[in-house]
Amino acid sequence: MAEAASAPRESPWGRPDTESGEPLPERRPLAGPARDSYRRGLEAGQHGETDVARRAFEDALRADPSAFRAAYNLGVLSDRAGNADQALTYYRQALRILPDYERAAEGIVTIYVRRNQAADAVAFMQPLAQRWIRNLSIQAIYGEALVHANRPQDAVAAARAALRRDERFVPAMVVMVKANERLGRLELAESILDQALSIDGSNPELIFLRAQRLQATGQLSLALESYRRAVQLRPDFADARMALALQLLAGANYDEAVQQFESLARLVSDQPEVQLGLGNAYRSTKQWEKSKAELDRVFAVQPQNAEAHFALGLLYMEAGEYPGMDRLTSLRHAQEELQNFRQISGPRLSRDDPSGAYLEEIAREIEREERRIQREEQRRQRDAERAARSAASAAAAAAPEGGAAAPAPSSPSP
């Protein structure tokens, strides 16, 4: 007797319904001059020739107004140049051409989140997710926006909508990990992360999440290795590069930290957190003027950034004599900036915050420097008095016998 056919395996996320929803729009490939210009733009971008890349992508759009990928890449270049508003314009243009283009949608969400506008990111993504339910990447991006908006339960629901169609869809599993972490379900998050890594062990986002867990449990060397791996796999992964740079800085690997922060600044040039990190890295390598320039960029948009005031206080203190200043002036600037830090921090200041000890040390240094300057001034006065007495003695010795001064020579008659 023949063995009965086994029933199809049930997805842990629910029943699949792959045929529902609006069919996805066609993604027409580029051809002719538009394709050639687009490829030239990609090649130039890989070599850091941003102006050449921009012109090539613009040429591609002129040759073919439906070149959605060219519009998207113009958005990437604009964002990296610090022009987020222009980037949004290009990303929206790409979405008008291809209304379910997930990379353009992700670019818009990234900018909203960076601006602390997670609610706007959700409002933008919700209609896209409702319309393009067959686009699993759109569902995952919607879930990411919900996580950032602190709506983890809704994020889980969005991720499940994708996983019902493909239970091995890793971007949705990433959302599940993050949402369950927000909900405090750490064991479930860990289990889903392990499952996702078994599906795609080279996924940079998963490796980054694993590194965060390793760092949280004190396994710093393994975390550092994982952050490096995530960045190697995806060089434009800003979050992973930021985490790597910060851990390098904390571990006193200052030169490499500078390199990572500089690379990060080329990806997201308008972020105060990046400028602050780069300023601290420059300070740690004694590049005082570069450090101050980065901190000044932070103050330009966040004058009350407490951490930047703290960093600037340390800069003046460690420099000793900041370029163009004497030691006493540097110390007084350090004192002022650390006092600003404490005042801005207010009740958020922890009991073991080091700024109090630094201020005590600076006060002692200021007192010592003031005494040194006073002693130096007294020494100069004594030297001047001795020099005056010596000059008077020499003049007296050169005077004619009898003490009368020699008559001045008479002027010639006219």
Protein backbone atom coordinates (compact mmCIF):
# COMPACT_ATOMS: atom_id res chain seq x y z
CA MET A 1 0.00 0.00 0.00
CA ALA A 2 1.36 3.40 -0.98
CA GLU A 3 2.41 5.78 1.76
CA ALA A 4 0.01 8.67 2.21
CA ALA A 5 1.30 12.07 1.06
CA SER A 6 2.45 14.24 3.94
CA ALA A 7 0.58 17.49 4.59
CA PRO A 8 2.38 20.75 3.71
CA ARG A 9 4.42 22.15 6.59
CA GLU A 10 2.65 24.95 8.43
CA SER A 11 4.55 28.24 8.62
CA PRO A 12 5.22 29.37 12.22
CA TRP A 13 4.12 32.86 11.23
CA GLY A 14 0.66 31.95 9.89
CA ARG A 15 -0.98 30.72 6.71
CA PRO A 16 0.64 31.90 3.45
CA ASP A 17 -1.52 33.81 1.02
CA THR A 18 0.88 34.61 -1.77
CA GLU A 19 -1.65 35.51 -4.47
CA SER A 20 -3.49 38.25 -2.58
CA GLY A 21 -2.66 41.90 -3.03
CA GLU A 22 -1.93 44.09 -6.04
CA PRO A 23 0.57 42.67 -8.56
CA LEU A 24 3.94 44.39 -8.35
CA PRO A 25 4.89 46.83 -11.09
CA GLU A 26 7.38 45.74 -13.72
CA ARG A 27 11.02 46.71 -13.22
CA ARG A 28 12.15 47.50 -16.72
CA PRO A 29 15.93 47.32 -17.27
CA LEU A 30 17.82 50.22 -18.78
CA ALA A 31 19.04 50.05 -22.34
CA GLY A 32 21.19 52.04 -24.72
CA PRO A 33 22.72 55.36 -23.64
CA ALA A 34 20.85 55.36 -20.30
CA ARG A 35 22.34 51.99 -19.38
CA ASP A 36 25.85 53.12 -20.36
CA SER A 37 25.57 56.35 -18.34
CA TYR A 38 24.20 54.46 -15.34
CA ARG A 39 27.08 51.96 -15.39
CA ARG A 40 29.55 54.83 -15.71
CA GLY A 41 27.95 56.45 -12.65
CA LEU A 42 28.27 53.27 -10.62
CA GLU A 43 31.92 52.86 -11.55
CA ALA A 44 32.72 56.49 -10.72
CA GLY A 45 30.94 56.20 -7.40
CA GLN A 46 32.97 53.12 -6.47
CA HIS A 47 36.14 55.12 -7.08
CA GLY A 48 34.96 58.09 -5.02
CA GLU A 49 34.51 60.32 -8.06
CA THR A 50 31.23 61.79 -6.84
CA ASP A 51 30.98 64.66 -9.32
CA VAL A 52 31.53 62.31 -12.25
CA ALA A 53 29.00 59.87 -10.79
CA ARG A 54 26.41 62.58 -10.34
CA ARG A 55 26.73 63.79 -13.93
CA ALA A 56 26.51 60.23 -15.23
CA PHE A 57 23.32 59.48 -13.27
CA GLU A 58 21.82 62.77 -14.47
CA ASP A 59 22.69 61.75 -18.04
CA ALA A 60 20.95 58.41 -17.48
CA LEU A 61 17.79 60.15 -16.29
CA ARG A 62 17.80 62.50 -19.26
CA ALA A 63 18.24 59.58 -21.63
CA ASP A 64 15.50 57.57 -19.91
CA PRO A 65 13.13 59.40 -17.48
CA SER A 66 12.06 56.00 -16.11
CA ALA A 67 15.59 55.27 -14.79
CA PHE A 68 14.48 54.88 -11.17
CA ARG A 69 17.82 53.50 -10.03
CA ALA A 70 19.62 56.59 -11.37
CA ALA A 71 17.25 58.83 -9.40
CA TYR A 72 17.87 56.72 -6.31
CA ASN A 73 21.65 56.95 -6.64
CA LEU A 74 21.43 60.72 -7.05
CA GLY A 75 19.60 60.67 -3.72
CA VAL A 76 22.40 58.64 -2.13
CA LEU A 77 25.03 61.08 -3.39
CA SER A 78 23.01 64.05 -2.11
CA ASP A 79 22.57 62.46 1.30
CA ARG A 80 26.27 61.71 1.62
CA ALA A 81 27.04 65.31 0.68
CA GLY A 82 24.90 66.48 3.61
CA ASN A 83 21.92 67.63 1.51
CA ALA A 84 19.16 65.47 2.96
CA ASP A 85 16.36 67.58 1.51
CA GLN A 86 17.68 67.10 -2.00
CA ALA A 87 18.11 63.40 -1.27
CA LEU A 88 14.43 63.17 -0.31
CA THR A 89 13.49 64.82 -3.60
CA TYR A 90 15.43 62.23 -5.61
CA TYR A 91 14.12 59.31 -3.54
CA ARG A 92 10.55 60.50 -4.11
CA GLN A 93 11.29 60.83 -7.82
CA ALA A 94 12.45 57.21 -7.87
CA LEU A 95 9.23 56.17 -6.14
CA ARG A 96 7.11 58.06 -8.63
CA ILE A 97 8.80 56.08 -11.38
CA LEU A 98 8.58 52.74 -9.56
CA PRO A 99 6.01 53.08 -6.75
CA ASP A 100 7.17 50.04 -4.77
CA TYR A 101 10.92 50.68 -5.01
CA GLU A 102 12.06 49.56 -1.59
CA ARG A 103 15.52 51.14 -1.65
CA ALA A 104 14.09 54.61 -2.23
CA ALA A 105 11.53 54.00 0.52
CA GLU A 106 14.31 52.89 2.85
CA GLY A 107 16.30 56.03 2.04
CA ILE A 108 13.35 58.24 3.00
CA VAL A 109 12.74 56.32 6.23
CA THR A 110 16.44 56.55 7.14
CA ILE A 111 16.40 60.33 6.82
CA TYR A 112 13.19 60.64 8.86
CA VAL A 113 14.61 58.44 11.62
CA ARG A 114 17.88 60.36 11.61
CA ARG A 115 15.88 63.54 12.12
CA ASN A 116 13.98 61.97 15.05
CA GLN A 117 10.81 61.94 12.94
CA ALA A 118 9.94 58.26 13.32
CA ALA A 119 6.20 59.03 13.34
CA ASP A 120 6.59 60.65 9.92
CA ALA A 121 8.44 57.57 8.72
CA VAL A 122 5.52 55.39 9.80
CA ALA A 123 2.97 57.71 8.16
CA PHE A 124 4.98 57.57 4.94
CA MET A 125 5.38 53.78 4.93
CA GLN A 126 1.90 52.71 6.03
CA PRO A 127 0.11 53.33 2.71
CA LEU A 128 3.00 51.74 0.81
CA ALA A 129 2.81 48.63 3.00
CA GLN A 130 -0.96 48.42 2.61
CA ARG A 131 -0.79 48.71 -1.17
CA TRP A 132 2.26 46.61 -1.95
CA ILE A 133 1.69 43.65 0.35
CA ARG A 134 3.49 41.36 -2.07
CA ASN A 135 6.68 43.36 -1.73
CA LEU A 136 8.19 41.78 1.36
CA SER A 137 10.97 44.36 1.58
CA ILE A 138 8.37 47.13 1.86
CA GLN A 139 6.73 45.23 4.73
CA ALA A 140 10.10 44.91 6.50
CA ILE A 141 10.90 48.62 6.07
CA TYR A 142 7.48 49.46 7.49
CA GLY A 143 8.31 47.22 10.45
CA GLU A 144 11.64 49.03 10.94
CA ALA A 145 9.84 52.38 11.00
CA LEU A 146 7.42 51.03 13.62
CA VAL A 147 10.33 49.85 15.78
CA HIS A 148 11.88 53.32 15.66
CA ALA A 149 8.49 54.83 16.53
CA ASN A 150 8.43 52.57 19.62
CA ARG A 151 5.50 50.54 18.36
CA PRO A 152 7.03 47.06 18.68
CA GLN A 153 3.76 45.13 18.69
CA ASP A 154 2.75 46.71 15.39
CA ALA A 155 6.26 46.01 14.08
CA VAL A 156 5.82 42.32 14.90
CA ALA A 157 2.54 42.31 12.97
CA ALA A 158 4.20 43.96 9.94
CA ALA A 159 7.04 41.44 9.99
CA ARG A 160 4.62 38.54 10.24
CA ALA A 161 2.80 39.82 7.14
CA ALA A 162 6.02 39.22 5.21
CA LEU A 163 6.90 35.97 6.95
CA ARG A 164 3.49 34.48 6.15
CA ARG A 165 4.55 34.69 2.52
CA ASP A 166 8.15 33.59 3.06
CA GLU A 167 9.09 32.24 6.46
CA ARG A 168 12.79 32.52 5.55
CA PHE A 169 12.68 36.21 4.61
CA VAL A 170 15.58 37.54 6.67
CA PRO A 171 14.77 41.32 6.67
CA ALA A 172 11.43 40.54 8.34
CA MET A 173 13.22 38.32 10.86
CA VAL A 174 15.53 41.26 11.64
CA VAL A 175 12.44 43.32 12.48
CA MET A 176 11.19 40.49 14.71
CA VAL A 177 14.50 40.49 16.59
CA LYS A 178 14.45 44.24 17.17
CA ALA A 179 10.77 44.40 18.09
CA ASN A 180 11.02 41.55 20.59
CA GLU A 181 14.07 43.18 22.16
CA ARG A 182 11.97 46.34 22.62
CA LEU A 183 9.28 44.20 24.23
CA GLY A 184 11.80 42.67 26.62
CA ARG A 185 11.48 39.21 25.07
CA LEU A 186 15.23 38.69 24.92
CA GLU A 187 15.22 34.90 24.71
CA LEU A 188 12.73 34.95 21.82
CA ALA A 189 14.78 37.64 20.07
CA GLU A 190 17.93 35.54 20.51
CA SER A 191 16.18 32.47 19.13
CA ILE A 192 14.95 34.30 16.03
CA LEU A 193 18.43 35.80 15.53
CA ASP A 194 19.99 32.32 15.64
CA GLN A 195 17.40 31.05 13.17
CA ALA A 196 18.02 33.96 10.80
CA LEU A 197 21.80 33.47 10.97
CA SER A 198 21.33 29.80 10.07
CA ILE A 199 19.55 31.00 6.91
CA ASP A 200 22.01 33.77 6.00
CA GLY A 201 25.19 33.81 8.03
CA SER A 202 26.68 36.59 5.90
CA ASN A 203 23.87 39.08 6.38
CA PRO A 204 25.47 42.33 7.70
CA GLU A 205 22.39 43.33 9.69
CA LEU A 206 22.27 40.00 11.50
CA ILE A 207 26.00 40.11 12.22
CA PHE A 208 25.55 43.63 13.59
CA LEU A 209 22.72 42.49 15.87
CA ARG A 210 24.88 39.61 17.11
CA ALA A 211 27.72 42.06 17.80
CA GLN A 212 25.39 44.23 19.87
CA ARG A 213 24.39 41.23 21.97
CA LEU A 214 28.03 40.24 22.42
CA GLN A 215 28.93 43.77 23.51
CA ALA A 216 26.00 43.91 25.93
CA THR A 217 27.25 40.72 27.62
CA GLY A 218 30.83 42.00 27.91
CA GLN A 219 32.31 39.90 25.10
CA LEU A 220 34.07 42.90 23.66
CA SER A 221 36.69 41.23 21.47
CA LEU A 222 34.06 39.06 19.78
CA ALA A 223 31.80 42.09 19.38
CA LEU A 224 34.61 44.06 17.77
CA GLU A 225 35.29 41.21 15.35
CA SER A 226 31.60 41.06 14.41
CA TYR A 227 31.35 44.82 13.88
CA ARG A 228 34.36 44.60 11.57
CA ARG A 229 32.74 41.77 9.65
CA ALA A 230 29.49 43.70 9.21
CA VAL A 231 31.38 46.73 7.86
CA GLN A 232 33.46 44.57 5.52
CA LEU A 233 30.33 43.01 4.09
CA ARG A 234 28.54 46.34 3.73
CA PRO A 235 30.88 49.35 3.74
CA ASP A 236 27.97 51.85 3.74
CA PHE A 237 26.43 50.30 6.90
CA ALA A 238 26.54 53.47 8.99
CA ASP A 239 25.23 51.96 12.26
CA ALA A 240 27.79 49.16 12.22
CA ARG A 241 30.64 51.52 11.35
CA MET A 242 29.57 53.86 14.16
CA ALA A 243 29.55 51.00 16.67
CA LEU A 244 32.95 49.82 15.44
CA ALA A 245 34.44 53.32 15.67
CA LEU A 246 33.09 53.86 19.18
CA GLN A 247 34.44 50.54 20.42
CA LEU A 248 37.83 51.26 18.86
CA LEU A 249 37.86 54.64 20.59
CA ALA A 250 36.90 53.10 23.93
CA GLY A 251 39.65 50.51 23.50
CA ALA A 252 42.29 53.22 22.85
CA ASN A 253 42.75 52.15 19.21
CA TYR A 254 42.79 55.83 18.35
CA ASP A 255 44.33 55.85 14.88
CA GLU A 256 41.91 53.25 13.56
CA ALA A 257 39.02 54.98 15.31
CA VAL A 258 39.90 58.15 13.38
CA GLN A 259 39.87 56.20 10.12
CA GLN A 260 36.47 54.67 10.85
CA PHE A 261 34.93 57.98 11.93
CA GLU A 262 36.31 59.71 8.83
CA SER A 263 34.76 57.01 6.64
CA LEU A 264 31.50 57.38 8.55
CA ALA A 265 31.53 61.15 8.08
CA ARG A 266 31.71 60.59 4.32
CA LEU A 267 28.53 58.50 4.58
CA VAL A 268 26.54 60.76 6.93
CA SER A 269 28.24 64.13 7.01
CA ASP A 270 25.45 66.03 8.78
CA GLN A 271 25.08 63.95 11.94
CA PRO A 272 26.14 65.57 15.27
CA GLU A 273 26.81 62.13 16.77
CA VAL A 274 29.33 61.40 14.03
CA GLN A 275 30.94 64.84 14.35
CA LEU A 276 31.19 64.39 18.13
CA GLY A 277 32.80 60.97 17.73
CA LEU A 278 35.26 62.28 15.15
CA GLY A 279 36.06 65.23 17.40
CA ASN A 280 36.84 62.87 20.28
CA ALA A 281 38.96 60.68 18.01
CA TYR A 282 40.96 63.68 16.76
CA ARG A 283 41.44 64.83 20.37
CA SER A 284 42.73 61.39 21.32
CA THR A 285 45.35 61.65 18.56
CA LYS A 286 46.27 65.22 19.61
CA GLN A 287 44.89 66.81 16.45
CA TRP A 288 43.57 69.72 18.47
CA GLU A 289 42.40 72.07 15.73
CA LYS A 290 40.66 69.32 13.77
CA SER A 291 38.96 68.19 16.96
CA LYS A 292 37.66 71.67 17.75
CA ALA A 293 36.43 72.11 14.17
CA GLU A 294 34.26 69.00 14.49
CA LEU A 295 32.92 70.06 17.89
CA ASP A 296 32.11 73.49 16.49
CA ARG A 297 30.01 71.74 13.84
CA VAL A 298 28.05 70.08 16.63
CA PHE A 299 27.49 73.40 18.39
CA ALA A 300 26.28 74.96 15.13
CA VAL A 301 23.17 72.76 15.25
CA GLN A 302 23.07 71.75 18.94
CA PRO A 303 24.47 74.58 21.11
CA GLN A 304 23.34 72.78 24.27
CA ASN A 305 24.92 69.43 23.45
CA ALA A 306 26.32 68.49 26.85
CA GLU A 307 28.69 65.80 25.54
CA ALA A 308 30.23 68.26 23.08
CA HIS A 309 30.90 70.74 25.90
CA PHE A 310 32.50 67.91 27.90
CA ALA A 311 34.66 66.95 24.92
CA LEU A 312 35.74 70.55 24.34
CA GLY A 313 36.64 70.88 28.03
CA LEU A 314 38.87 67.80 27.80
CA LEU A 315 40.38 69.17 24.59
CA TYR A 316 41.52 72.41 26.23
CA MET A 317 42.70 70.56 29.32
CA GLU A 318 44.70 67.92 27.45
CA ALA A 319 46.14 70.33 24.90
CA GLY A 320 47.74 72.33 27.70
CA GLU A 321 48.37 75.20 25.32
CA TYR A 322 45.74 75.08 22.60
CA PRO A 323 47.15 76.66 19.40
CA GLY A 324 47.02 80.44 19.76
CA MET A 325 46.46 80.30 23.54
CA ASP A 326 48.74 80.26 26.56
CA ARG A 327 48.36 77.57 29.21
CA LEU A 328 46.30 79.67 31.62
CA THR A 329 43.81 80.63 28.90
CA SER A 330 43.46 76.99 27.83
CA LEU A 331 42.83 75.91 31.41
CA ARG A 332 40.21 78.60 31.95
CA HIS A 333 38.44 77.56 28.73
CA ALA A 334 38.52 73.95 29.92
CA GLN A 335 37.02 75.02 33.24
CA GLU A 336 34.26 76.99 31.50
CA GLU A 337 33.32 74.14 29.15
CA LEU A 338 33.16 71.52 31.89
CA GLN A 339 31.00 73.85 33.97
CA ASN A 340 28.74 74.26 30.93
CA PHE A 341 28.56 70.47 30.68
CA ARG A 342 27.47 70.12 34.31
CA GLN A 343 24.95 72.93 34.05
CA ILE A 344 23.34 71.51 30.88
CA SER A 345 23.32 67.97 32.27
CA GLY A 346 21.61 69.09 35.48
CA PRO A 347 19.87 66.27 37.35
CA ARG A 348 20.92 63.76 34.67
CA LEU A 349 24.50 64.01 35.93
CA SER A 350 25.56 60.75 37.59
CA ARG A 351 27.27 60.70 40.96
CA ASP A 352 30.42 59.17 39.55
CA ASP A 353 30.66 61.58 36.62
CA PRO A 354 34.35 62.48 36.15
CA SER A 355 33.74 66.16 35.38
CA GLY A 356 33.84 67.10 39.08
CA ALA A 357 37.28 65.55 39.51
CA TYR A 358 38.49 67.21 36.31
CA LEU A 359 37.31 70.61 37.55
CA GLU A 360 39.15 70.13 40.84
CA GLU A 361 42.31 69.19 38.96
CA ILE A 362 41.92 72.17 36.62
CA ALA A 363 41.40 74.54 39.57
CA ARG A 364 44.67 73.32 41.09
CA GLU A 365 46.44 73.71 37.74
CA ILE A 366 45.07 77.24 37.34
CA GLU A 367 46.30 78.15 40.83
CA ARG A 368 49.75 76.70 40.11
CA GLU A 369 49.91 78.48 36.76
CA GLU A 370 48.85 81.80 38.30
CA ARG A 371 51.57 81.41 40.98
CA ARG A 372 54.11 80.54 38.29
CA ILE A 373 53.11 83.62 36.27
CA GLN A 374 53.35 85.77 39.44
CA ARG A 375 56.80 84.40 40.22
CA GLU A 376 57.86 84.98 36.63
CA GLU A 377 56.63 88.57 36.79
CA GLN A 378 58.44 89.15 40.08
CA ARG A 379 61.61 87.69 38.57
CA ARG A 380 61.32 90.00 35.56
CA GLN A 381 60.84 93.00 37.87
CA ARG A 382 63.93 92.01 39.89
CA ASP A 383 65.92 91.52 36.69
CA ALA A 384 64.76 94.91 35.42
CA GLU A 385 65.72 96.61 38.72
CA ARG A 386 69.14 94.94 38.67
CA ALA A 387 69.63 96.01 35.08
CA ALA A 388 68.66 99.59 35.97
CA ARG A 389 71.09 99.65 38.90
CA SER A 390 73.87 98.20 36.74
CA ALA A 391 73.21 100.85 34.09
CA ALA A 392 73.30 103.61 36.71
CA SER A 393 76.57 102.28 38.11
CA ALA A 394 78.08 102.09 34.65
CA ALA A 395 77.00 105.65 33.92
CA ALA A 396 78.47 106.88 37.19
CA ALA A 397 81.74 105.12 36.47
CA ALA A 398 81.98 106.76 33.07
CA ALA A 399 81.36 110.30 34.41
CA PRO A 400 84.38 112.80 34.64
CA GLU A 401 86.33 113.01 37.89
CA GLY A 402 84.66 115.30 40.39
CA GLY A 403 81.23 114.06 39.46
CA ALA A 404 80.40 116.88 37.03
CA ALA A 405 78.89 115.77 33.85
CA ALA A 406 80.87 116.47 30.69
CA PRO A 407 79.57 119.54 28.80
CA ALA A 408 77.56 118.78 25.72
CA PRO A 409 79.29 119.67 22.48
CA SER A 410 78.17 123.02 21.08
CA SER A 411 76.27 123.15 17.87
CA PRO A 412 78.06 124.66 14.85
CA SER A 413 77.29 128.28 14.08
CA PRO A 414 75.14 128.99 11.10
